[in-house]
Amino acid sequence: MRDSFLQFLSIVKKSGNLLQGYNKCEEALNKSQIYLIIISKDVSENTENKFKVKCKKFNIPLIKCYDEFTLGSVLGRESMKVLAIKDKNMADKLLNLRENDEKH
């Protein structure tokens, strides 16, 4: 199931509905232009807390999964700690894939 999540994340990137990096994600979150935030397991406590508070404020789901290098490698980068999904249907699909992963 983890592979399905990462494979779909790659599709989201190719579709142009993925924001990468702290600043871009924070800016889009403040403008309510996203439907899901994904942070890596090794993100700093400060960054995690900031995004948790903002996600709660704007009622945006947050997923904490994988390390920064796994997320980065799927996206063709060395590492990536913060991602945002701009498409509601794609965000819902990623949430479903993550839920299924946690059940197994």
Protein backbone atom coordinates (compact mmCIF):
# COMPACT_ATOMS: atom_id res chain seq x y z
CA MET A 1 0.00 0.00 0.00
CA ARG A 2 2.84 2.42 0.68
CA ASP A 3 3.95 2.04 -2.92
CA SER A 4 0.44 3.01 -4.09
CA PHE A 5 0.59 6.20 -2.04
CA LEU A 6 4.00 7.15 -3.42
CA GLN A 7 3.04 6.22 -6.97
CA PHE A 8 -0.06 8.39 -6.78
CA LEU A 9 1.99 11.22 -5.27
CA SER A 10 4.16 11.05 -8.39
CA ILE A 11 1.02 11.32 -10.55
CA VAL A 12 -0.10 14.38 -8.56
CA LYS A 13 3.26 16.02 -9.29
CA LYS A 14 3.00 15.28 -13.01
CA SER A 15 -0.51 16.76 -13.08
CA GLY A 16 0.79 20.07 -11.70
CA ASN A 17 -1.29 19.84 -8.51
CA LEU A 18 1.61 19.50 -6.07
CA LEU A 19 3.37 22.29 -4.21
CA GLN A 20 6.80 21.54 -2.79
CA GLY A 21 8.61 23.28 0.04
CA TYR A 22 7.79 25.11 3.23
CA ASN A 23 7.25 28.61 1.82
CA LYS A 24 5.07 27.64 -1.15
CA CYS A 25 2.93 25.36 0.99
CA GLU A 26 2.55 27.90 3.79
CA GLU A 27 1.55 30.64 1.35
CA ALA A 28 -1.06 28.45 -0.37
CA LEU A 29 -2.39 27.27 2.99
CA ASN A 30 -2.85 30.85 4.17
CA LYS A 31 -4.82 31.56 0.98
CA SER A 32 -6.92 28.38 1.40
CA GLN A 33 -5.78 27.13 -1.99
CA ILE A 34 -4.97 23.55 -0.96
CA TYR A 35 -6.78 20.44 0.23
CA LEU A 36 -4.03 18.40 1.93
CA ILE A 37 -0.65 18.94 3.58
CA ILE A 38 1.95 16.16 3.72
CA ILE A 39 4.96 16.49 6.02
CA SER A 40 7.86 14.09 6.41
CA LYS A 41 8.44 12.15 9.63
CA ASP A 42 11.72 13.97 10.18
CA VAL A 43 10.40 17.52 9.84
CA SER A 44 11.34 19.80 12.75
CA GLU A 45 8.97 20.00 15.70
CA ASN A 46 8.53 23.74 15.07
CA THR A 47 7.52 23.20 11.43
CA GLU A 48 5.18 20.36 12.37
CA ASN A 49 3.46 22.47 15.02
CA LYS A 50 3.06 25.46 12.67
CA PHE A 51 1.43 23.35 9.98
CA LYS A 52 -0.78 21.49 12.48
CA VAL A 53 -2.12 24.79 13.84
CA LYS A 54 -2.73 26.25 10.38
CA CYS A 55 -4.30 23.05 9.07
CA LYS A 56 -6.65 22.98 12.05
CA LYS A 57 -7.51 26.66 11.53
CA PHE A 58 -8.38 26.13 7.85
CA ASN A 59 -9.78 22.60 8.32
CA ILE A 60 -7.17 21.04 6.02
CA PRO A 61 -6.07 17.43 6.63
CA LEU A 62 -2.42 16.77 7.43
CA ILE A 63 -0.54 13.53 6.84
CA LYS A 64 2.82 12.83 8.47
CA CYS A 65 4.57 10.02 6.62
CA TYR A 66 7.86 8.78 5.19
CA ASP A 67 11.22 10.43 5.65
CA GLU A 68 12.36 13.45 3.67
CA PHE A 69 14.55 11.34 1.37
CA THR A 70 11.76 8.92 0.41
CA LEU A 71 9.42 11.80 -0.40
CA GLY A 72 12.18 13.59 -2.27
CA SER A 73 13.19 10.57 -4.35
CA VAL A 74 9.61 10.08 -5.57
CA LEU A 75 9.58 13.70 -6.71
CA GLY A 76 13.00 13.70 -8.35
CA ARG A 77 14.69 15.66 -5.59
CA GLU A 78 17.21 14.79 -2.91
CA SER A 79 14.79 15.50 -0.07
CA MET A 80 11.42 17.11 0.60
CA LYS A 81 9.80 17.81 3.97
CA VAL A 82 6.58 19.72 3.17
CA LEU A 83 4.11 19.12 0.34
CA ALA A 84 0.66 20.47 -0.47
CA ILE A 85 -2.03 19.10 -2.79
CA LYS A 86 -4.03 21.65 -4.81
CA ASP A 87 -6.72 19.30 -6.19
CA LYS A 88 -9.53 18.04 -3.94
CA ASN A 89 -10.05 14.71 -5.72
CA MET A 90 -6.35 13.93 -5.65
CA ALA A 91 -6.14 14.91 -1.99
CA ASP A 92 -9.07 12.60 -1.19
CA LYS A 93 -7.40 9.74 -3.07
CA LEU A 94 -4.16 10.19 -1.11
CA LEU A 95 -6.09 10.27 2.17
CA ASN A 96 -7.86 7.02 1.21
CA LEU A 97 -4.58 5.35 0.24
CA ARG A 98 -3.06 6.42 3.57
CA GLU A 99 -6.06 5.14 5.56
CA ASN A 100 -5.86 1.78 3.78
CA ASP A 101 -2.14 1.62 4.53
CA GLU A 102 -2.75 2.20 8.24
CA LYS A 103 -5.39 -0.56 8.37
CA HIS A 104 -2.93 -3.18 7.09
